[in-house]
Amino acid sequence: MEDFSRIVHTAPAVSLLGGGAARESDLRESLDFAPLLVCADGGANYAVEWGIRPAGIIGDMDSFPDGLRWGNDAVFAGVPVLELTDQNTTDFEKCLSVVRAPLVIGVGFLGKRLDHQLAVLNGLCKHADRTIVLIGEEDIVFRAPPLFRVDLPAGTRVSLHPLTGSQARSKGLRWPVEGLDFQPDGRIGSSNAATGGEMRLETTNGHLLVMLPRPFLGAVIGGLETL
């Protein structure tokens, strides 16, 4: 476990694989940006199915195959397992408590159970000091940093959703957001659109989620890494 802890504490970027809806192509693209793979509990099922060896597995192990637990699959022979039994945190948060990489890309944390998705989005707010991008079937999701800039073609969908009361200023959006009081039980910012060129979002308060179409993963990561 010592080597595993050293790796996940020093890696500049980590891909996390969860047990929600996931595609192998999404994981392999994530690994292009974040080559170190850590599985969150049931995410190990996908990894063994796709023949991708992780650096380690973290979670409460309630969805972890017994065969893998005992090292019966060659792909996982010698892979360290860190079992954390705290039932007050999700497997996603358990991973984030161990993985200290500046950039984390999550695959398999959206889709399937809605309560799991909401818990993961809640986790983004709890770890606001981290750069975390979640990949879904149609969208990528991340918590808006204080300042985010990215080049987007005109008409690109840009959705903003507050998890707390939030305020922001924007440039390059069809409907500017300055002066709006975003609230989870009030005004939200679904289905805005880029005007073309640089889209700039300056979040001045609260936790605001940004959702962009899946094809813009690389552009988003590039914009977040320049912060």
C-alpha atoms as a PDB file:
ATOM      1  CA  MET A   1       0.000   0.000   0.000  1.00  0.00           C
ATOM      2  CA  GLU A   2       2.946   2.342   0.578  1.00  0.00           C
ATOM      3  CA  ASP A   3       3.799   2.442  -3.129  1.00  0.00           C
ATOM      4  CA  PHE A   4       0.147   3.016  -4.049  1.00  0.00           C
ATOM      5  CA  SER A   5      -0.146   5.919  -1.607  1.00  0.00           C
ATOM      6  CA  ARG A   6       3.023   7.473  -2.974  1.00  0.00           C
ATOM      7  CA  ILE A   7       1.783   7.215  -6.558  1.00  0.00           C
ATOM      8  CA  VAL A   8      -1.663   8.710  -5.964  1.00  0.00           C
ATOM      9  CA  HIS A   9      -0.203  11.522  -3.882  1.00  0.00           C
ATOM     10  CA  THR A  10       2.367  12.569  -6.483  1.00  0.00           C
ATOM     11  CA  ALA A  11       0.652  11.943  -9.843  1.00  0.00           C
ATOM     12  CA  PRO A  12      -0.177  15.208 -11.677  1.00  0.00           C
ATOM     13  CA  ALA A  13      -3.409  13.781 -13.127  1.00  0.00           C
ATOM     14  CA  VAL A  14      -5.576  10.784 -12.251  1.00  0.00           C
ATOM     15  CA  SER A  15      -8.482   9.086 -14.002  1.00  0.00           C
ATOM     16  CA  LEU A  16     -11.136   7.780 -11.588  1.00  0.00           C
ATOM     17  CA  LEU A  17     -13.377   4.968 -12.788  1.00  0.00           C
ATOM     18  CA  GLY A  18     -16.703   4.499 -11.005  1.00  0.00           C
ATOM     19  CA  GLY A  19     -19.489   1.973 -11.324  1.00  0.00           C
ATOM     20  CA  GLY A  20     -22.064   4.244 -12.973  1.00  0.00           C
ATOM     21  CA  ALA A  21     -22.713   4.427 -16.698  1.00  0.00           C
ATOM     22  CA  ALA A  22     -19.369   4.261 -18.528  1.00  0.00           C
ATOM     23  CA  ARG A  23     -17.927   3.547 -21.942  1.00  0.00           C
ATOM     24  CA  GLU A  24     -14.493   2.169 -22.683  1.00  0.00           C
ATOM     25  CA  SER A  25     -13.884   4.933 -25.236  1.00  0.00           C
ATOM     26  CA  ASP A  26     -14.512   7.567 -22.537  1.00  0.00           C
ATOM     27  CA  LEU A  27     -12.028   5.951 -20.184  1.00  0.00           C
ATOM     28  CA  ARG A  28      -9.365   5.609 -22.838  1.00  0.00           C
ATOM     29  CA  GLU A  29      -9.742   9.277 -23.768  1.00  0.00           C
ATOM     30  CA  SER A  30      -9.526  10.204 -20.094  1.00  0.00           C
ATOM     31  CA  LEU A  31      -6.314   8.198 -19.814  1.00  0.00           C
ATOM     32  CA  ASP A  32      -4.814  10.277 -22.630  1.00  0.00           C
ATOM     33  CA  PHE A  33      -5.044  13.287 -20.291  1.00  0.00           C
ATOM     34  CA  ALA A  34      -4.667  11.479 -16.947  1.00  0.00           C
ATOM     35  CA  PRO A  35      -2.735   8.234 -17.448  1.00  0.00           C
ATOM     36  CA  LEU A  36      -2.898   6.945 -13.860  1.00  0.00           C
ATOM     37  CA  LEU A  37      -6.097   4.942 -13.270  1.00  0.00           C
ATOM     38  CA  VAL A  38      -7.746   4.438  -9.887  1.00  0.00           C
ATOM     39  CA  CYS A  39     -10.971   2.451  -9.583  1.00  0.00           C
ATOM     40  CA  ALA A  40     -13.691   3.427  -7.154  1.00  0.00           C
ATOM     41  CA  ASP A  41     -15.090   0.144  -5.854  1.00  0.00           C
ATOM     42  CA  GLY A  42     -17.427  -1.204  -8.584  1.00  0.00           C
ATOM     43  CA  GLY A  43     -15.474   0.608 -11.281  1.00  0.00           C
ATOM     44  CA  ALA A  44     -13.139  -2.366 -11.088  1.00  0.00           C
ATOM     45  CA  ASN A  45     -15.788  -4.390 -12.935  1.00  0.00           C
ATOM     46  CA  TYR A  46     -15.338  -2.156 -15.985  1.00  0.00           C
ATOM     47  CA  ALA A  47     -11.556  -2.226 -15.733  1.00  0.00           C
ATOM     48  CA  VAL A  48     -11.358  -6.011 -15.764  1.00  0.00           C
ATOM     49  CA  GLU A  49     -13.921  -6.202 -18.589  1.00  0.00           C
ATOM     50  CA  TRP A  50     -11.823  -3.828 -20.700  1.00  0.00           C
ATOM     51  CA  GLY A  51      -8.474  -5.314 -19.670  1.00  0.00           C
ATOM     52  CA  ILE A  52      -7.129  -2.058 -18.228  1.00  0.00           C
ATOM     53  CA  ARG A  53      -4.977  -2.423 -15.134  1.00  0.00           C
ATOM     54  CA  PRO A  54      -5.459   0.246 -12.444  1.00  0.00           C
ATOM     55  CA  ALA A  55      -2.862   1.555 -10.026  1.00  0.00           C
ATOM     56  CA  GLY A  56      -5.246   0.754  -7.186  1.00  0.00           C
ATOM     57  CA  ILE A  57      -8.818   0.320  -6.014  1.00  0.00           C
ATOM     58  CA  ILE A  58     -10.464   2.420  -3.296  1.00  0.00           C
ATOM     59  CA  GLY A  59     -13.872   2.175  -1.645  1.00  0.00           C
ATOM     60  CA  ASP A  60     -16.043   0.327   0.835  1.00  0.00           C
ATOM     61  CA  MET A  61     -15.940  -2.701  -1.482  1.00  0.00           C
ATOM     62  CA  ASP A  62     -19.663  -3.418  -1.439  1.00  0.00           C
ATOM     63  CA  SER A  63     -19.596  -3.697  -5.252  1.00  0.00           C
ATOM     64  CA  PHE A  64     -16.146  -5.227  -5.561  1.00  0.00           C
ATOM     65  CA  PRO A  65     -16.037  -8.723  -7.148  1.00  0.00           C
ATOM     66  CA  ASP A  66     -14.751 -11.407  -4.759  1.00  0.00           C
ATOM     67  CA  GLY A  67     -12.613 -12.880  -7.515  1.00  0.00           C
ATOM     68  CA  LEU A  68     -10.730  -9.629  -7.867  1.00  0.00           C
ATOM     69  CA  ARG A  69     -10.475  -9.220  -4.100  1.00  0.00           C
ATOM     70  CA  TRP A  70      -8.452 -12.384  -3.907  1.00  0.00           C
ATOM     71  CA  GLY A  71      -6.360 -11.665  -6.969  1.00  0.00           C
ATOM     72  CA  ASN A  72      -7.903 -14.372  -9.135  1.00  0.00           C
ATOM     73  CA  ASP A  73      -7.816 -12.251 -12.282  1.00  0.00           C
ATOM     74  CA  ALA A  74      -4.451 -11.791 -13.968  1.00  0.00           C
ATOM     75  CA  VAL A  75      -5.222  -8.178 -14.871  1.00  0.00           C
ATOM     76  CA  PHE A  76      -5.509  -7.357 -11.169  1.00  0.00           C
ATOM     77  CA  ALA A  77      -2.773  -9.540  -9.705  1.00  0.00           C
ATOM     78  CA  GLY A  78      -0.855  -7.410  -7.234  1.00  0.00           C
ATOM     79  CA  VAL A  79      -3.116  -4.366  -7.568  1.00  0.00           C
ATOM     80  CA  PRO A  80      -3.441  -2.764  -4.101  1.00  0.00           C
ATOM     81  CA  VAL A  81      -6.880  -2.399  -2.565  1.00  0.00           C
ATOM     82  CA  LEU A  82      -7.647   0.291  -0.005  1.00  0.00           C
ATOM     83  CA  GLU A  83     -10.854  -0.525   1.864  1.00  0.00           C
ATOM     84  CA  LEU A  84     -12.446   2.463   3.604  1.00  0.00           C
ATOM     85  CA  THR A  85     -15.580   1.554   5.526  1.00  0.00           C
ATOM     86  CA  ASP A  86     -16.871   5.024   6.455  1.00  0.00           C
ATOM     87  CA  GLN A  87     -20.541   5.018   5.457  1.00  0.00           C
ATOM     88  CA  ASN A  88     -20.836   8.813   5.684  1.00  0.00           C
ATOM     89  CA  THR A  89     -18.905   9.328   2.457  1.00  0.00           C
ATOM     90  CA  THR A  90     -19.357   8.000  -1.074  1.00  0.00           C
ATOM     91  CA  ASP A  91     -16.737   5.966  -2.902  1.00  0.00           C
ATOM     92  CA  PHE A  92     -16.104   9.070  -5.016  1.00  0.00           C
ATOM     93  CA  GLU A  93     -15.233  11.080  -1.911  1.00  0.00           C
ATOM     94  CA  LYS A  94     -13.207   8.212  -0.488  1.00  0.00           C
ATOM     95  CA  CYS A  95     -11.073   8.297  -3.626  1.00  0.00           C
ATOM     96  CA  LEU A  96     -10.662  12.063  -3.428  1.00  0.00           C
ATOM     97  CA  SER A  97      -9.530  11.761   0.191  1.00  0.00           C
ATOM     98  CA  VAL A  98      -6.597   9.645  -0.988  1.00  0.00           C
ATOM     99  CA  VAL A  99      -5.911  10.909  -4.515  1.00  0.00           C
ATOM    100  CA  ARG A 100      -4.290  14.343  -4.317  1.00  0.00           C
ATOM    101  CA  ALA A 101      -3.666  14.961  -8.022  1.00  0.00           C
ATOM    102  CA  PRO A 102      -4.273  18.555  -9.198  1.00  0.00           C
ATOM    103  CA  LEU A 103      -6.424  17.184 -12.045  1.00  0.00           C
ATOM    104  CA  VAL A 104      -8.963  14.375 -11.631  1.00  0.00           C
ATOM    105  CA  ILE A 105     -11.130  13.108 -14.497  1.00  0.00           C
ATOM    106  CA  GLY A 106     -14.088  10.964 -13.470  1.00  0.00           C
ATOM    107  CA  VAL A 107     -15.636   8.316 -15.722  1.00  0.00           C
ATOM    108  CA  GLY A 108     -18.553   6.186 -14.529  1.00  0.00           C
ATOM    109  CA  PHE A 109     -19.933   8.644 -11.983  1.00  0.00           C
ATOM    110  CA  LEU A 110     -22.868   9.906 -14.049  1.00  0.00           C
ATOM    111  CA  GLY A 111     -25.799   7.906 -15.348  1.00  0.00           C
ATOM    112  CA  LYS A 112     -27.613   4.974 -13.735  1.00  0.00           C
ATOM    113  CA  ARG A 113     -28.749   5.866 -10.184  1.00  0.00           C
ATOM    114  CA  LEU A 114     -29.838   9.474  -9.696  1.00  0.00           C
ATOM    115  CA  ASP A 115     -28.970   9.498  -5.976  1.00  0.00           C
ATOM    116  CA  HIS A 116     -25.400   8.489  -6.828  1.00  0.00           C
ATOM    117  CA  GLN A 117     -25.146  11.279  -9.407  1.00  0.00           C
ATOM    118  CA  LEU A 118     -26.404  13.881  -6.949  1.00  0.00           C
ATOM    119  CA  ALA A 119     -23.960  12.655  -4.316  1.00  0.00           C
ATOM    120  CA  VAL A 120     -21.081  13.026  -6.779  1.00  0.00           C
ATOM    121  CA  LEU A 121     -22.128  16.569  -7.709  1.00  0.00           C
ATOM    122  CA  ASN A 122     -22.291  17.334  -4.002  1.00  0.00           C
ATOM    123  CA  GLY A 123     -18.739  15.998  -3.758  1.00  0.00           C
ATOM    124  CA  LEU A 124     -17.565  18.500  -6.380  1.00  0.00           C
ATOM    125  CA  CYS A 125     -18.605  21.298  -4.031  1.00  0.00           C
ATOM    126  CA  LYS A 126     -16.944  19.687  -1.019  1.00  0.00           C
ATOM    127  CA  HIS A 127     -13.672  19.561  -2.959  1.00  0.00           C
ATOM    128  CA  ALA A 128     -13.849  23.021  -4.490  1.00  0.00           C
ATOM    129  CA  ASP A 129     -10.070  23.356  -4.255  1.00  0.00           C
ATOM    130  CA  ARG A 130      -9.600  20.555  -6.807  1.00  0.00           C
ATOM    131  CA  THR A 131      -9.930  20.524 -10.592  1.00  0.00           C
ATOM    132  CA  ILE A 132     -12.386  17.684 -11.238  1.00  0.00           C
ATOM    133  CA  VAL A 133     -14.078  16.966 -14.569  1.00  0.00           C
ATOM    134  CA  LEU A 134     -16.825  14.357 -14.909  1.00  0.00           C
ATOM    135  CA  ILE A 135     -17.522  12.651 -18.232  1.00  0.00           C
ATOM    136  CA  GLY A 136     -21.089  11.611 -19.041  1.00  0.00           C
ATOM    137  CA  GLU A 137     -22.722  10.175 -22.123  1.00  0.00           C
ATOM    138  CA  GLU A 138     -23.723  13.582 -23.516  1.00  0.00           C
ATOM    139  CA  ASP A 139     -22.003  16.119 -21.285  1.00  0.00           C
ATOM    140  CA  ILE A 140     -18.930  16.966 -19.300  1.00  0.00           C
ATOM    141  CA  VAL A 141     -19.504  18.589 -15.908  1.00  0.00           C
ATOM    142  CA  PHE A 142     -17.234  20.560 -13.605  1.00  0.00           C
ATOM    143  CA  ARG A 143     -17.511  23.121 -10.837  1.00  0.00           C
ATOM    144  CA  ALA A 144     -16.829  26.607 -12.161  1.00  0.00           C
ATOM    145  CA  PRO A 145     -13.512  27.953 -10.846  1.00  0.00           C
ATOM    146  CA  PRO A 146     -13.211  31.681 -10.038  1.00  0.00           C
ATOM    147  CA  LEU A 147     -12.214  32.288 -13.663  1.00  0.00           C
ATOM    148  CA  PHE A 148     -12.648  29.964 -16.631  1.00  0.00           C
ATOM    149  CA  ARG A 149     -11.914  30.683 -20.286  1.00  0.00           C
ATOM    150  CA  VAL A 150     -12.327  28.448 -23.315  1.00  0.00           C
ATOM    151  CA  ASP A 151     -12.767  28.913 -27.064  1.00  0.00           C
ATOM    152  CA  LEU A 152     -16.106  27.576 -28.296  1.00  0.00           C
ATOM    153  CA  PRO A 153     -17.844  27.633 -31.676  1.00  0.00           C
ATOM    154  CA  ALA A 154     -20.917  29.816 -31.961  1.00  0.00           C
ATOM    155  CA  GLY A 155     -24.040  28.013 -30.821  1.00  0.00           C
ATOM    156  CA  THR A 156     -22.282  25.602 -28.455  1.00  0.00           C
ATOM    157  CA  ARG A 157     -24.580  24.773 -25.569  1.00  0.00           C
ATOM    158  CA  VAL A 158     -23.354  26.099 -22.226  1.00  0.00           C
ATOM    159  CA  SER A 159     -25.484  25.192 -19.210  1.00  0.00           C
ATOM    160  CA  LEU A 160     -24.958  26.588 -15.726  1.00  0.00           C
ATOM    161  CA  HIS A 161     -26.563  25.067 -12.659  1.00  0.00           C
ATOM    162  CA  PRO A 162     -26.197  26.409  -9.123  1.00  0.00           C
ATOM    163  CA  LEU A 163     -25.829  24.009  -6.209  1.00  0.00           C
ATOM    164  CA  THR A 164     -25.854  27.012  -3.858  1.00  0.00           C
ATOM    165  CA  GLY A 165     -26.694  30.645  -4.345  1.00  0.00           C
ATOM    166  CA  SER A 166     -24.254  31.862  -7.009  1.00  0.00           C
ATOM    167  CA  GLN A 167     -23.309  34.961  -8.947  1.00  0.00           C
ATOM    168  CA  ALA A 168     -21.128  35.243 -12.026  1.00  0.00           C
ATOM    169  CA  ARG A 169     -20.087  37.466 -14.914  1.00  0.00           C
ATOM    170  CA  SER A 170     -19.707  36.249 -18.480  1.00  0.00           C
ATOM    171  CA  LYS A 171     -18.315  37.138 -21.863  1.00  0.00           C
ATOM    172  CA  GLY A 172     -19.146  35.231 -25.021  1.00  0.00           C
ATOM    173  CA  LEU A 173     -22.567  33.950 -23.944  1.00  0.00           C
ATOM    174  CA  ARG A 174     -25.739  34.760 -25.861  1.00  0.00           C
ATOM    175  CA  TRP A 175     -27.472  35.621 -22.591  1.00  0.00           C
ATOM    176  CA  PRO A 176     -25.001  37.322 -20.214  1.00  0.00           C
ATOM    177  CA  VAL A 177     -25.266  36.253 -16.585  1.00  0.00           C
ATOM    178  CA  GLU A 178     -23.959  39.329 -14.776  1.00  0.00           C
ATOM    179  CA  GLY A 179     -26.425  40.582 -12.180  1.00  0.00           C
ATOM    180  CA  LEU A 180     -28.354  37.300 -12.036  1.00  0.00           C
ATOM    181  CA  ASP A 181     -28.939  35.618  -8.699  1.00  0.00           C
ATOM    182  CA  PHE A 182     -28.623  31.902  -9.396  1.00  0.00           C
ATOM    183  CA  GLN A 183     -30.401  29.680  -6.859  1.00  0.00           C
ATOM    184  CA  PRO A 184     -30.994  25.903  -6.814  1.00  0.00           C
ATOM    185  CA  ASP A 185     -34.682  26.591  -6.083  1.00  0.00           C
ATOM    186  CA  GLY A 186     -34.907  29.650  -8.326  1.00  0.00           C
ATOM    187  CA  ARG A 187     -33.086  30.973 -11.373  1.00  0.00           C
ATOM    188  CA  ILE A 188     -30.819  28.507 -13.171  1.00  0.00           C
ATOM    189  CA  GLY A 189     -28.836  28.797 -16.388  1.00  0.00           C
ATOM    190  CA  SER A 190     -29.727  25.842 -18.597  1.00  0.00           C
ATOM    191  CA  SER A 191     -29.217  25.947 -22.358  1.00  0.00           C
ATOM    192  CA  ASN A 192     -27.288  29.169 -22.766  1.00  0.00           C
ATOM    193  CA  ALA A 193     -25.103  29.304 -25.882  1.00  0.00           C
ATOM    194  CA  ALA A 194     -21.654  30.500 -26.872  1.00  0.00           C
ATOM    195  CA  THR A 195     -21.442  33.384 -29.322  1.00  0.00           C
ATOM    196  CA  GLY A 196     -18.172  32.123 -30.796  1.00  0.00           C
ATOM    197  CA  GLY A 197     -14.544  32.614 -29.838  1.00  0.00           C
ATOM    198  CA  GLU A 198     -13.544  33.009 -26.209  1.00  0.00           C
ATOM    199  CA  MET A 199     -16.166  32.216 -23.604  1.00  0.00           C
ATOM    200  CA  ARG A 200     -15.212  33.719 -20.250  1.00  0.00           C
ATOM    201  CA  LEU A 201     -16.963  32.910 -16.984  1.00  0.00           C
ATOM    202  CA  GLU A 202     -15.999  34.641 -13.743  1.00  0.00           C
ATOM    203  CA  THR A 203     -17.771  33.146 -10.736  1.00  0.00           C
ATOM    204  CA  THR A 204     -17.838  35.551  -7.818  1.00  0.00           C
ATOM    205  CA  ASN A 205     -19.784  33.534  -5.269  1.00  0.00           C
ATOM    206  CA  GLY A 206     -21.147  30.061  -4.530  1.00  0.00           C
ATOM    207  CA  HIS A 207     -20.977  26.682  -6.239  1.00  0.00           C
ATOM    208  CA  LEU A 208     -21.905  26.804  -9.922  1.00  0.00           C
ATOM    209  CA  LEU A 209     -21.732  23.748 -12.182  1.00  0.00           C
ATOM    210  CA  VAL A 210     -20.790  24.111 -15.849  1.00  0.00           C
ATOM    211  CA  MET A 211     -22.065  21.596 -18.401  1.00  0.00           C
ATOM    212  CA  LEU A 212     -20.724  21.466 -21.945  1.00  0.00           C
ATOM    213  CA  PRO A 213     -21.156  18.940 -24.765  1.00  0.00           C
ATOM    214  CA  ARG A 214     -18.986  15.850 -24.490  1.00  0.00           C
ATOM    215  CA  PRO A 215     -16.748  16.649 -27.540  1.00  0.00           C
ATOM    216  CA  PHE A 216     -15.212  19.644 -25.738  1.00  0.00           C
ATOM    217  CA  LEU A 217     -13.393  17.579 -23.093  1.00  0.00           C
ATOM    218  CA  GLY A 218      -9.939  18.503 -24.370  1.00  0.00           C
ATOM    219  CA  ALA A 219     -10.757  22.194 -24.607  1.00  0.00           C
ATOM    220  CA  VAL A 220     -12.169  22.214 -21.081  1.00  0.00           C
ATOM    221  CA  ILE A 221      -9.179  20.424 -19.591  1.00  0.00           C
ATOM    222  CA  GLY A 222      -6.877  22.826 -21.396  1.00  0.00           C
ATOM    223  CA  GLY A 223      -8.772  25.797 -19.980  1.00  0.00           C
ATOM    224  CA  LEU A 224      -8.781  24.414 -16.440  1.00  0.00           C
ATOM    225  CA  GLU A 225      -5.096  23.484 -16.506  1.00  0.00           C
ATOM    226  CA  THR A 226      -4.095  27.058 -17.355  1.00  0.00           C
ATOM    227  CA  LEU A 227      -5.591  28.368 -14.097  1.00  0.00           C
END
